[in-house]
C-alpha atoms as a PDB file:
ATOM      1  CA  MET A   1       0.792  26.772   8.288  1.00  0.00           C
ATOM      2  CA  ILE A   2       2.982  23.371   7.781  1.00  0.00           C
ATOM      3  CA  VAL A   3       5.995  24.198   5.175  1.00  0.00           C
ATOM      4  CA  PRO A   4       8.188  20.798   4.043  1.00  0.00           C
ATOM      5  CA  ASN A   5      12.129  21.775   5.261  1.00  0.00           C
ATOM      6  CA  ILE A   6      13.507  18.489   3.416  1.00  0.00           C
ATOM      7  CA  SER A   7      15.886  19.591   0.810  1.00  0.00           C
ATOM      8  CA  GLN A   8      15.637  18.045  -3.081  1.00  0.00           C
ATOM      9  CA  GLU A   9      19.250  16.326  -2.200  1.00  0.00           C
ATOM     10  CA  GLU A  10      18.148  14.494   0.592  1.00  0.00           C
ATOM     11  CA  ILE A  11      14.877  13.158  -0.981  1.00  0.00           C
ATOM     12  CA  ILE A  12      17.228  12.282  -4.145  1.00  0.00           C
ATOM     13  CA  ASN A  13      19.758  10.290  -1.719  1.00  0.00           C
ATOM     14  CA  ALA A  14      16.936   8.463  -0.482  1.00  0.00           C
ATOM     15  CA  PHE A  15      15.577   7.509  -3.518  1.00  0.00           C
ATOM     16  CA  LYS A  16      18.859   6.311  -4.426  1.00  0.00           C
ATOM     17  CA  TYR A  17      19.565   4.359  -0.991  1.00  0.00           C
ATOM     18  CA  ARG A  18      16.434   2.801  -1.237  1.00  0.00           C
ATOM     19  CA  HIS A  19      16.395  -1.113  -2.833  1.00  0.00           C
ATOM     20  CA  ALA A  20      14.356  -4.100  -2.858  1.00  0.00           C
ATOM     21  CA  THR A  21      15.862  -5.798   0.010  1.00  0.00           C
ATOM     22  CA  LYS A  22      16.175  -9.680  -0.058  1.00  0.00           C
ATOM     23  CA  GLU A  23      17.212 -10.503   3.271  1.00  0.00           C
ATOM     24  CA  PHE A  24      17.110  -8.226   6.482  1.00  0.00           C
ATOM     25  CA  ASP A  25      19.130  -8.263   9.541  1.00  0.00           C
ATOM     26  CA  ALA A  26      17.150 -10.033  11.603  1.00  0.00           C
ATOM     27  CA  THR A  27      18.801  -8.700  14.970  1.00  0.00           C
ATOM     28  CA  LYS A  28      17.540  -5.142  14.076  1.00  0.00           C
ATOM     29  CA  LYS A  29      13.913  -4.090  15.167  1.00  0.00           C
ATOM     30  CA  LEU A  30      11.892  -0.644  14.242  1.00  0.00           C
ATOM     31  CA  SER A  31      11.213   1.218  17.204  1.00  0.00           C
ATOM     32  CA  ASP A  32       7.066   1.223  17.713  1.00  0.00           C
ATOM     33  CA  ALA A  33       7.778   5.056  16.833  1.00  0.00           C
ATOM     34  CA  ASP A  34       9.370   4.390  13.596  1.00  0.00           C
ATOM     35  CA  ILE A  35       6.875   2.130  12.060  1.00  0.00           C
ATOM     36  CA  ASN A  36       3.755   3.874  13.654  1.00  0.00           C
ATOM     37  CA  PHE A  37       5.534   6.836  11.376  1.00  0.00           C
ATOM     38  CA  ILE A  38       5.609   4.906   8.152  1.00  0.00           C
ATOM     39  CA  LEU A  39       2.004   3.548   8.870  1.00  0.00           C
ATOM     40  CA  LYS A  40       1.044   7.426   9.024  1.00  0.00           C
ATOM     41  CA  THR A  41       2.491   8.465   5.776  1.00  0.00           C
ATOM     42  CA  ALA A  42       0.050   5.496   4.364  1.00  0.00           C
ATOM     43  CA  ASN A  43      -2.593   7.024   6.135  1.00  0.00           C
ATOM     44  CA  LEU A  44      -2.160  10.249   4.796  1.00  0.00           C
ATOM     45  CA  SER A  45      -1.484   9.342   1.108  1.00  0.00           C
ATOM     46  CA  PRO A  46      -3.736  10.634  -1.493  1.00  0.00           C
ATOM     47  CA  SER A  47      -6.483   8.521  -3.254  1.00  0.00           C
ATOM     48  CA  SER A  48      -9.057   9.003  -5.596  1.00  0.00           C
ATOM     49  CA  PHE A  49     -11.732  10.816  -4.404  1.00  0.00           C
ATOM     50  CA  GLY A  50     -10.249  10.721  -1.173  1.00  0.00           C
ATOM     51  CA  PHE A  51     -11.994   7.544  -0.041  1.00  0.00           C
ATOM     52  CA  GLU A  52      -8.813   5.738   0.967  1.00  0.00           C
ATOM     53  CA  PRO A  53     -10.126   1.857  -0.226  1.00  0.00           C
ATOM     54  CA  TRP A  54      -7.601   0.508   1.832  1.00  0.00           C
ATOM     55  CA  HIS A  55      -6.345  -1.524   4.861  1.00  0.00           C
ATOM     56  CA  PHE A  56      -2.955  -2.514   6.183  1.00  0.00           C
ATOM     57  CA  ILE A  57      -2.386  -5.768   7.976  1.00  0.00           C
ATOM     58  CA  VAL A  58       1.016  -5.592  10.139  1.00  0.00           C
ATOM     59  CA  VAL A  59       1.833  -9.642  10.543  1.00  0.00           C
ATOM     60  CA  GLN A  60       4.359  -9.687  13.755  1.00  0.00           C
ATOM     61  CA  ASP A  61       2.735 -13.193  15.060  1.00  0.00           C
ATOM     62  CA  GLN A  62       5.173 -15.959  14.124  1.00  0.00           C
ATOM     63  CA  GLU A  63       3.027 -18.748  13.067  1.00  0.00           C
ATOM     64  CA  LEU A  64       0.979 -16.435  10.769  1.00  0.00           C
ATOM     65  CA  ARG A  65       4.365 -15.416   9.213  1.00  0.00           C
ATOM     66  CA  GLU A  66       4.919 -19.327   8.628  1.00  0.00           C
ATOM     67  CA  LEU A  67       1.456 -19.460   7.415  1.00  0.00           C
ATOM     68  CA  LEU A  68       2.273 -17.214   4.562  1.00  0.00           C
ATOM     69  CA  LYS A  69       5.222 -18.864   3.193  1.00  0.00           C
ATOM     70  CA  PRO A  70       3.268 -21.617   1.045  1.00  0.00           C
ATOM     71  CA  VAL A  71       1.486 -18.737  -0.484  1.00  0.00           C
ATOM     72  CA  ALA A  72       3.714 -16.436  -1.219  1.00  0.00           C
ATOM     73  CA  TRP A  73       7.036 -17.591  -2.995  1.00  0.00           C
ATOM     74  CA  GLY A  74       8.399 -14.346  -2.562  1.00  0.00           C
ATOM     75  CA  ALA A  75       8.135 -14.008   1.021  1.00  0.00           C
ATOM     76  CA  PRO A  76       9.906 -16.348   2.762  1.00  0.00           C
ATOM     77  CA  LEU A  77      13.301 -14.903   3.336  1.00  0.00           C
ATOM     78  CA  LYS A  78      11.298 -11.897   4.184  1.00  0.00           C
ATOM     79  CA  LEU A  79       8.843 -13.170   6.635  1.00  0.00           C
ATOM     80  CA  ASP A  80      11.903 -14.796   8.605  1.00  0.00           C
ATOM     81  CA  THR A  81      14.293 -11.942   8.688  1.00  0.00           C
ATOM     82  CA  ALA A  82      11.974  -8.342   8.409  1.00  0.00           C
ATOM     83  CA  SER A  83      11.156  -6.347  11.401  1.00  0.00           C
ATOM     84  CA  HIS A  84       7.634  -5.908  10.408  1.00  0.00           C
ATOM     85  CA  PHE A  85       5.836  -7.523   7.491  1.00  0.00           C
ATOM     86  CA  ILE A  86       2.450  -5.631   6.221  1.00  0.00           C
ATOM     87  CA  LEU A  87      -0.270  -7.133   3.874  1.00  0.00           C
ATOM     88  CA  GLY A  88      -1.475  -4.372   1.740  1.00  0.00           C
ATOM     89  CA  LEU A  89      -5.409  -5.096   1.347  1.00  0.00           C
ATOM     90  CA  SER A  90      -7.448  -2.973  -1.388  1.00  0.00           C
ATOM     91  CA  MET A  91     -11.583  -2.837  -1.134  1.00  0.00           C
ATOM     92  CA  LYS A  92     -13.539  -4.642  -3.499  1.00  0.00           C
ATOM     93  CA  ALA A  93     -16.999  -3.517  -5.361  1.00  0.00           C
ATOM     94  CA  PRO A  94     -19.339  -3.919  -2.243  1.00  0.00           C
ATOM     95  CA  MET A  95     -17.258  -1.457  -0.222  1.00  0.00           C
ATOM     96  CA  THR A  96     -15.633   0.964  -3.436  1.00  0.00           C
ATOM     97  CA  LYS A  97     -19.143   1.032  -6.139  1.00  0.00           C
ATOM     98  CA  HIS A  98     -20.924   4.419  -5.931  1.00  0.00           C
ATOM     99  CA  ASP A  99     -24.162   3.210  -3.694  1.00  0.00           C
ATOM    100  CA  ALA A 100     -22.017   1.582  -1.351  1.00  0.00           C
ATOM    101  CA  ASP A 101     -22.648   2.378   2.395  1.00  0.00           C
ATOM    102  CA  TYR A 102     -18.938   2.702   2.971  1.00  0.00           C
ATOM    103  CA  ILE A 103     -18.834   5.460   0.563  1.00  0.00           C
ATOM    104  CA  SER A 104     -21.983   7.257   2.066  1.00  0.00           C
ATOM    105  CA  HIS A 105     -19.918   6.866   5.792  1.00  0.00           C
ATOM    106  CA  MET A 106     -16.895   8.615   3.985  1.00  0.00           C
ATOM    107  CA  MET A 107     -18.566  11.786   2.695  1.00  0.00           C
ATOM    108  CA  LYS A 108     -21.105  11.794   5.772  1.00  0.00           C
ATOM    109  CA  ASN A 109     -18.896  10.936   8.735  1.00  0.00           C
ATOM    110  CA  VAL A 110     -15.313  10.941   7.676  1.00  0.00           C
ATOM    111  CA  LYS A 111     -15.409  14.164   5.121  1.00  0.00           C
ATOM    112  CA  HIS A 112     -18.710  15.988   7.255  1.00  0.00           C
ATOM    113  CA  LEU A 113     -19.955  16.957   3.488  1.00  0.00           C
ATOM    114  CA  PRO A 114     -23.152  18.863   3.580  1.00  0.00           C
ATOM    115  CA  GLU A 115     -26.158  17.207   2.476  1.00  0.00           C
ATOM    116  CA  ASP A 116     -26.182  18.744  -0.900  1.00  0.00           C
ATOM    117  CA  VAL A 117     -22.654  18.611  -1.617  1.00  0.00           C
ATOM    118  CA  ILE A 118     -23.011  14.561  -0.948  1.00  0.00           C
ATOM    119  CA  GLU A 119     -25.747  14.783  -3.337  1.00  0.00           C
ATOM    120  CA  MET A 120     -23.344  16.837  -6.284  1.00  0.00           C
ATOM    121  CA  TYR A 121     -20.106  14.381  -5.075  1.00  0.00           C
ATOM    122  CA  SER A 122     -22.177  10.935  -5.352  1.00  0.00           C
ATOM    123  CA  LYS A 123     -23.654  12.146  -8.867  1.00  0.00           C
ATOM    124  CA  PHE A 124     -20.139  12.819  -9.646  1.00  0.00           C
ATOM    125  CA  TYR A 125     -18.612   9.437  -8.686  1.00  0.00           C
ATOM    126  CA  ARG A 126     -21.430   7.425 -10.208  1.00  0.00           C
ATOM    127  CA  GLU A 127     -20.553   9.330 -13.735  1.00  0.00           C
ATOM    128  CA  PHE A 128     -16.791   8.768 -13.008  1.00  0.00           C
ATOM    129  CA  GLN A 129     -17.019   4.888 -12.395  1.00  0.00           C
ATOM    130  CA  GLU A 130     -20.206   4.488 -15.292  1.00  0.00           C
ATOM    131  CA  ARG A 131     -18.483   6.941 -17.765  1.00  0.00           C
ATOM    132  CA  ASP A 132     -15.239   7.996 -17.144  1.00  0.00           C
ATOM    133  CA  PHE A 133     -13.174   4.768 -16.356  1.00  0.00           C
ATOM    134  CA  ASP A 134     -15.727   2.250 -17.530  1.00  0.00           C
ATOM    135  CA  LEU A 135     -15.170   0.343 -14.088  1.00  0.00           C
ATOM    136  CA  ASP A 136     -18.434  -2.095 -14.693  1.00  0.00           C
ATOM    137  CA  THR A 137     -16.780  -5.187 -13.230  1.00  0.00           C
ATOM    138  CA  ASP A 138     -15.932  -6.295  -9.466  1.00  0.00           C
ATOM    139  CA  LYS A 139     -12.412  -6.958 -11.008  1.00  0.00           C
ATOM    140  CA  LYS A 140     -12.404  -3.559 -12.543  1.00  0.00           C
ATOM    141  CA  LEU A 141     -13.281  -1.894  -9.085  1.00  0.00           C
ATOM    142  CA  PHE A 142     -10.689  -4.137  -7.197  1.00  0.00           C
ATOM    143  CA  ASP A 143      -7.906  -2.964  -9.887  1.00  0.00           C
ATOM    144  CA  TRP A 144      -8.864   0.375  -9.272  1.00  0.00           C
ATOM    145  CA  ALA A 145      -8.786   0.446  -5.709  1.00  0.00           C
ATOM    146  CA  SER A 146      -5.256  -1.599  -5.641  1.00  0.00           C
ATOM    147  CA  LYS A 147      -3.810   1.143  -7.882  1.00  0.00           C
ATOM    148  CA  GLN A 148      -4.891   3.832  -4.761  1.00  0.00           C
ATOM    149  CA  THR A 149      -3.258   1.566  -2.610  1.00  0.00           C
ATOM    150  CA  TYR A 150      -0.038   1.314  -4.102  1.00  0.00           C
ATOM    151  CA  ILE A 151       0.418   5.244  -3.782  1.00  0.00           C
ATOM    152  CA  ALA A 152       0.348   4.384  -0.002  1.00  0.00           C
ATOM    153  CA  LEU A 153       2.668   1.666  -0.509  1.00  0.00           C
ATOM    154  CA  GLY A 154       5.256   4.163  -2.559  1.00  0.00           C
ATOM    155  CA  ASN A 155       4.655   6.355   0.158  1.00  0.00           C
ATOM    156  CA  MET A 156       5.916   4.335   2.973  1.00  0.00           C
ATOM    157  CA  MET A 157       8.801   2.852   1.223  1.00  0.00           C
ATOM    158  CA  THR A 158       9.848   6.559   0.350  1.00  0.00           C
ATOM    159  CA  ALA A 159       9.126   7.777   3.895  1.00  0.00           C
ATOM    160  CA  ALA A 160      11.225   4.458   5.173  1.00  0.00           C
ATOM    161  CA  ALA A 161      14.208   5.399   3.328  1.00  0.00           C
ATOM    162  CA  LEU A 162      14.169   9.064   4.062  1.00  0.00           C
ATOM    163  CA  SER A 163      14.708   7.341   7.904  1.00  0.00           C
ATOM    164  CA  GLY A 164      17.284   4.966   6.723  1.00  0.00           C
ATOM    165  CA  ILE A 165      14.769   2.069   6.880  1.00  0.00           C
ATOM    166  CA  ASP A 166      14.888  -0.608   4.338  1.00  0.00           C
ATOM    167  CA  SER A 167      12.219  -2.498   2.418  1.00  0.00           C
ATOM    168  CA  CYS A 168      10.591  -4.695  -0.049  1.00  0.00           C
ATOM    169  CA  PRO A 169       7.663  -4.887  -1.999  1.00  0.00           C
ATOM    170  CA  ILE A 170       6.486  -8.217  -3.027  1.00  0.00           C
ATOM    171  CA  GLU A 171       3.845  -9.369  -5.481  1.00  0.00           C
ATOM    172  CA  GLY A 172       5.592 -13.079  -5.388  1.00  0.00           C
ATOM    173  CA  PHE A 173       1.979 -14.712  -4.057  1.00  0.00           C
ATOM    174  CA  HIS A 174      -0.560 -16.655  -5.330  1.00  0.00           C
ATOM    175  CA  GLN A 175      -3.726 -14.350  -5.129  1.00  0.00           C
ATOM    176  CA  GLU A 176      -6.511 -16.825  -4.323  1.00  0.00           C
ATOM    177  CA  LYS A 177      -4.828 -19.020  -1.874  1.00  0.00           C
ATOM    178  CA  ALA A 178      -3.195 -16.051  -0.219  1.00  0.00           C
ATOM    179  CA  GLU A 179      -7.008 -14.676   0.251  1.00  0.00           C
ATOM    180  CA  ALA A 180      -8.398 -18.062   1.786  1.00  0.00           C
ATOM    181  CA  LEU A 181      -5.785 -17.575   3.770  1.00  0.00           C
ATOM    182  CA  LEU A 182      -6.701 -14.385   5.195  1.00  0.00           C
ATOM    183  CA  LYS A 183     -10.508 -15.390   5.439  1.00  0.00           C
ATOM    184  CA  GLU A 184      -9.401 -18.495   7.477  1.00  0.00           C
ATOM    185  CA  LYS A 185      -6.540 -17.083   9.679  1.00  0.00           C
ATOM    186  CA  PHE A 186      -6.663 -13.424   9.692  1.00  0.00           C
ATOM    187  CA  ASP A 187     -10.482 -12.816  10.260  1.00  0.00           C
ATOM    188  CA  ILE A 188     -10.529 -10.599   6.874  1.00  0.00           C
ATOM    189  CA  ASP A 189     -13.572 -10.695   4.946  1.00  0.00           C
ATOM    190  CA  THR A 190     -12.770 -11.554   1.628  1.00  0.00           C
ATOM    191  CA  THR A 191     -15.735 -10.390   0.193  1.00  0.00           C
ATOM    192  CA  LYS A 192     -14.987  -6.822   1.093  1.00  0.00           C
ATOM    193  CA  TYR A 193     -11.254  -6.910   0.491  1.00  0.00           C
ATOM    194  CA  GLY A 194      -8.233  -8.532  -1.601  1.00  0.00           C
ATOM    195  CA  LEU A 195      -4.824  -8.524  -1.278  1.00  0.00           C
ATOM    196  CA  SER A 196      -2.814  -6.498  -3.586  1.00  0.00           C
ATOM    197  CA  PHE A 197       0.894  -6.683  -2.253  1.00  0.00           C
ATOM    198  CA  MET A 198       3.004  -7.647   0.471  1.00  0.00           C
ATOM    199  CA  VAL A 199       5.552  -5.470   2.183  1.00  0.00           C
ATOM    200  CA  ALA A 200       8.401  -6.285   4.523  1.00  0.00           C
ATOM    201  CA  PHE A 201      10.194  -3.226   6.446  1.00  0.00           C
ATOM    202  CA  GLY A 202      13.668  -3.831   8.511  1.00  0.00           C
ATOM    203  CA  TYR A 203      17.123  -3.119   8.278  1.00  0.00           C
ATOM    204  CA  ARG A 204      19.566  -4.649   5.355  1.00  0.00           C
ATOM    205  CA  LYS A 205      21.895  -7.359   6.178  1.00  0.00           C
ATOM    206  CA  GLU A 206      24.325  -6.127   3.499  1.00  0.00           C
ATOM    207  CA  GLU A 207      24.818  -3.849   1.200  1.00  0.00           C
ATOM    208  CA  PRO A 208      23.359  -4.552  -2.955  1.00  0.00           C
ATOM    209  CA  ALA A 209      25.706  -6.230  -4.690  1.00  0.00           C
ATOM    210  CA  HIS A 210      25.181  -3.842  -7.756  1.00  0.00           C
ATOM    211  CA  PRO A 211      24.774  -0.077  -8.319  1.00  0.00           C
ATOM    212  CA  LYS A 212      21.230   0.579  -8.731  1.00  0.00           C
ATOM    213  CA  THR A 213      20.609   1.196 -12.458  1.00  0.00           C
ATOM    214  CA  ARG A 214      18.008   3.216 -14.580  1.00  0.00           C
ATOM    215  CA  ARG A 215      17.138   4.153 -18.108  1.00  0.00           C
ATOM    216  CA  GLU A 216      17.838   8.187 -18.696  1.00  0.00           C
ATOM    217  CA  LEU A 217      15.341  10.539 -17.793  1.00  0.00           C
ATOM    218  CA  ASN A 218      15.139  11.604 -21.409  1.00  0.00           C
ATOM    219  CA  GLU A 219      14.073   8.046 -22.112  1.00  0.00           C
ATOM    220  CA  ILE A 220      11.134   8.414 -19.822  1.00  0.00           C
ATOM    221  CA  VAL A 221      10.043  11.925 -20.368  1.00  0.00           C
ATOM    222  CA  THR A 222       8.692  13.466 -23.248  1.00  0.00           C
ATOM    223  CA  TRP A 223       8.295  17.319 -23.473  1.00  0.00           C
ATOM    224  CA  LYS A 224       5.855  19.062 -25.603  1.00  0.00           C
END
């Protein structure tokens, strides 16, 4: 039995420490163990039905980083200074629709479900898509998959902060142009995957200019 042993105070301190780092110290690099640890937290993240509708590209090649700059207005300084730069991809309809081969693969070869359970699970998953969440367009299915991928993003950034590693999530990019680049230069099948976010990891160049501000807890929580 695995029992977590991190104190609540340590976790809150990590959340206070984390901030969207605009510029990293380019002289400091994460170890292979550090980045693999962060990626493992993405791997272990929860997803709807446990279907893991994501893929992550770690962009370390400097030429590829340069190519990203014109299509990602929020990323140039991070691309220049971050130790590791990751593209978070989410699956599109051909991968996530109830009758997709990938869904069958997940149930049979990853989850190792028996045939009768697969039949029941498939019916439930189809009803969820068609009735409960009205996922009747490719755009809706991609947005639904993106919500799952964002869970992995949050976990990666939290895990990094708990380890004293900085991060910055990035949505400042032109999605259509970025995906065209992914198809042309990254060998990504963009009929199956779309770009949901970018995220940079490294070590801050300087401390934040201003303290973290948030609304009071009683403004965002209602008890009934």
